[in-house]
Protein backbone atom coordinates (compact mmCIF):
# COMPACT_ATOMS: atom_id res chain seq x y z
CA MET A 1 133.41 164.44 39.91
CA VAL A 2 132.89 161.04 41.53
CA LYS A 3 135.98 158.94 41.86
CA GLY A 4 135.77 155.30 40.89
CA TRP A 5 136.49 152.66 43.52
CA HIS A 6 139.57 151.64 41.51
CA ARG A 7 141.08 155.08 42.12
CA SER A 8 140.26 155.14 45.81
CA PRO A 9 143.30 155.56 48.04
CA ASN A 10 141.95 152.64 50.08
CA THR A 11 142.14 150.22 47.12
CA SER A 12 145.38 148.28 47.10
CA ILE A 13 147.45 147.59 44.01
CA LYS A 14 146.76 143.89 44.57
CA GLN A 15 142.99 144.50 44.43
CA ARG A 16 143.33 146.60 41.29
CA THR A 17 145.48 143.92 39.67
CA GLU A 18 142.98 141.18 40.55
CA VAL A 19 140.15 143.17 38.99
CA MET A 20 142.23 143.80 35.86
CA PHE A 21 143.07 140.10 35.51
CA ARG A 22 139.43 139.06 36.04
CA SER A 23 138.42 141.54 33.35
CA LEU A 24 141.07 140.22 30.95
CA ASN A 25 140.04 136.64 31.70
CA GLY A 26 136.41 137.51 30.97
CA LEU A 27 137.33 139.27 27.73
CA SER A 28 139.51 136.34 26.65
CA LYS A 29 136.64 133.90 27.28
CA VAL A 30 134.21 135.99 25.23
CA ILE A 31 136.69 136.14 22.34
CA ALA A 32 137.84 132.51 22.68
CA THR A 33 134.25 131.24 22.57
CA ALA A 34 133.46 133.45 19.55
CA LEU A 35 130.87 135.42 21.50
CA GLY A 36 129.53 132.26 23.18
CA ALA A 37 129.36 129.84 20.23
CA GLY A 38 131.89 127.62 22.00
CA TYR A 39 129.39 126.93 24.78
CA SER A 40 127.18 124.98 22.37
CA PRO A 41 126.59 121.50 23.83
CA ILE A 42 126.57 119.99 20.33
CA ALA A 43 129.46 120.46 17.87
CA PRO A 44 130.99 123.64 19.30
CA GLY A 45 133.70 123.67 16.60
CA THR A 46 131.08 123.61 13.88
CA CYS A 47 129.18 126.39 15.67
CA GLY A 48 132.39 128.42 15.88
CA THR A 49 132.96 127.96 12.16
CA ALA A 50 129.36 128.97 11.49
CA VAL A 51 130.04 132.27 13.29
CA ALA A 52 132.77 132.99 10.74
CA VAL A 53 130.56 132.54 7.66
CA PRO A 54 128.58 135.78 8.05
CA LEU A 55 131.81 137.55 9.01
CA ALA A 56 133.46 136.44 5.76
CA PHE A 57 130.36 137.54 3.86
CA ALA A 58 130.31 140.93 5.62
CA LEU A 59 133.94 141.49 4.61
CA ARG A 60 133.34 140.43 0.99
CA SER A 61 134.08 143.87 -0.44
CA LEU A 62 137.59 144.02 1.04
CA PRO A 63 140.44 143.45 -1.40
CA VAL A 64 142.41 140.27 -0.81
CA TRP A 65 145.29 142.03 0.96
CA GLN A 66 142.95 143.79 3.41
CA PHE A 67 140.98 140.61 4.11
CA ALA A 68 144.28 138.76 4.67
CA LEU A 69 145.35 141.48 7.10
CA VAL A 70 142.08 141.07 9.02
CA VAL A 71 142.74 137.32 9.16
CA VAL A 72 146.26 137.90 10.54
CA VAL A 73 144.90 140.22 13.24
CA ILE A 74 142.11 137.79 14.16
CA THR A 75 144.66 134.95 14.33
CA ALA A 76 146.95 136.97 16.62
CA VAL A 77 144.06 137.90 18.91
CA ALA A 78 142.90 134.25 18.82
CA ILE A 79 146.31 133.02 20.02
CA TRP A 80 146.18 135.42 22.97
CA ALA A 81 142.53 134.67 23.81
CA ALA A 82 142.91 130.88 23.53
CA ASP A 83 145.99 130.88 25.76
CA ARG A 84 144.46 133.17 28.36
CA ALA A 85 141.07 131.40 28.41
CA ASP A 86 142.71 127.98 28.75
CA ARG A 87 144.75 129.25 31.71
CA ALA A 88 141.65 130.82 33.29
CA TRP A 89 139.72 127.56 32.93
CA GLY A 90 142.69 125.40 33.90
CA THR A 91 142.45 123.42 30.65
CA HIS A 92 144.44 122.77 27.50
CA ASP A 93 142.66 123.26 24.17
CA SER A 94 139.22 123.41 25.76
CA GLY A 95 136.37 122.50 23.44
CA ARG A 96 134.83 125.85 24.35
CA ILE A 97 137.61 127.62 22.46
CA VAL A 98 136.34 128.13 18.90
CA ILE A 99 138.01 131.38 17.86
CA ASP A 100 140.60 129.12 16.22
CA GLU A 101 137.85 127.82 13.92
CA VAL A 102 136.94 131.41 13.04
CA ALA A 103 140.57 132.18 12.13
CA GLY A 104 140.97 128.92 10.20
CA TYR A 105 137.77 129.32 8.18
CA LEU A 106 138.62 132.91 7.30
CA THR A 107 142.05 131.73 6.15
CA THR A 108 140.33 129.18 3.90
CA MET A 109 138.32 132.00 2.30
CA VAL A 110 141.11 134.52 1.60
CA LEU A 111 141.54 133.87 -2.14
CA VAL A 112 137.98 133.08 -3.25
CA ASP A 113 134.73 134.98 -3.71
CA ARG A 114 133.17 135.67 -0.31
CA GLY A 115 130.07 137.29 -1.77
CA HIS A 116 128.24 134.18 -2.93
CA TRP A 117 126.72 131.29 -0.98
CA ALA A 118 128.51 128.54 -2.96
CA PRO A 119 132.13 129.34 -1.98
CA LEU A 120 131.04 130.16 1.58
CA LEU A 121 129.34 126.76 1.92
CA VAL A 122 132.08 124.77 0.17
CA GLY A 123 134.71 126.55 2.26
CA PHE A 124 132.79 125.63 5.39
CA VAL A 125 132.73 121.93 4.43
CA VAL A 126 136.37 121.88 3.28
CA PHE A 127 137.62 123.60 6.42
CA ARG A 128 135.56 121.46 8.82
CA ALA A 129 136.75 118.26 7.10
CA LEU A 130 140.39 119.32 7.39
CA ASP A 131 139.94 120.48 10.98
CA ILE A 132 138.31 117.21 12.03
CA LEU A 133 140.60 114.84 10.09
CA LYS A 134 143.79 116.82 10.82
CA PRO A 135 145.99 115.36 8.08
CA PRO A 136 149.73 116.04 8.31
CA PRO A 137 151.10 118.59 9.05
CA ILE A 138 148.03 119.98 10.83
CA ARG A 139 148.21 117.65 13.84
CA TRP A 140 151.91 118.51 14.30
CA PHE A 141 151.02 122.13 15.14
CA GLU A 142 148.46 121.04 17.71
CA LYS A 143 150.83 118.58 19.40
CA ASN A 144 154.10 120.53 19.29
CA LEU A 145 153.30 124.19 19.83
CA PRO A 146 152.62 125.50 23.34
CA GLY A 147 149.46 127.13 24.64
CA GLY A 148 147.42 129.31 22.35
CA TRP A 149 149.92 128.83 19.54
CA GLY A 150 149.09 125.14 19.22
CA VAL A 151 145.37 125.69 19.77
CA VAL A 152 145.12 128.23 16.93
CA LEU A 153 147.87 127.40 14.44
CA ASP A 154 146.61 123.87 13.73
CA ASP A 155 143.38 125.48 12.52
CA SER A 156 145.36 128.08 10.59
CA ALA A 157 147.28 125.23 8.91
CA ALA A 158 143.94 123.60 8.05
CA GLY A 159 142.90 126.98 6.69
CA VAL A 160 145.98 127.25 4.47
CA ILE A 161 145.37 123.76 3.06
CA GLY A 162 141.68 124.64 2.72
CA MET A 163 142.65 127.80 0.84
CA ALA A 164 144.66 125.71 -1.63
CA VAL A 165 141.69 123.34 -2.10
CA MET A 166 139.34 126.28 -2.64
CA VAL A 167 141.66 127.89 -5.20
CA GLY A 168 141.86 124.54 -7.01
CA LEU A 169 138.09 124.16 -7.03
CA ASP A 170 137.73 127.75 -8.24
CA ARG A 171 140.27 127.24 -11.06
CA LEU A 172 138.44 124.09 -12.15
CA GLY A 173 135.18 126.06 -12.27
CA ALA A 174 133.51 123.90 -9.63
CA LEU A 175 132.47 126.87 -7.47
CA ASP A 176 130.89 128.66 -10.45
CA ARG A 177 129.02 125.52 -11.49
CA LEU A 178 127.71 125.02 -7.97
CA ALA A 179 126.69 128.67 -7.80
CA GLY A 180 124.66 128.18 -10.97
CA LEU A 181 122.44 125.53 -9.42
């Protein structure tokens, strides 16, 4: 059995720790950029949200409570990844971080049909509008919460407001009418 270099008696704890932190930094960047969507030179936030649309569609068969649980897990991972990636890059709320858009869009879609193009598209527009305009209290989260918390929870707040808008549109029959076009 060949021993890995990381188990070599000649490898110091400091070297092992550095490798571990580089690996975690790399993983956090991959997650924070939503598998690279955040590196888009044009509208990275919109690209990050676009990554979430097929994910919401793929999870369409989950009951609401299971989809909501997935959203909570993605949001928690997003907070960690955004904080760690920002520290690795030496930035605060880098434009490359778009996992917050993924979490926010998925929050918007919790209570509506995720199996049809109309709610997916309307949810995309509603969420992006709220994320860009940042009406109160959304901006408060961004400005007052530290690190990854502020980066992600402002988008989650936009997602909660977006969810309310989507439920309203659904109750008014607007999503069904649009789907019938």
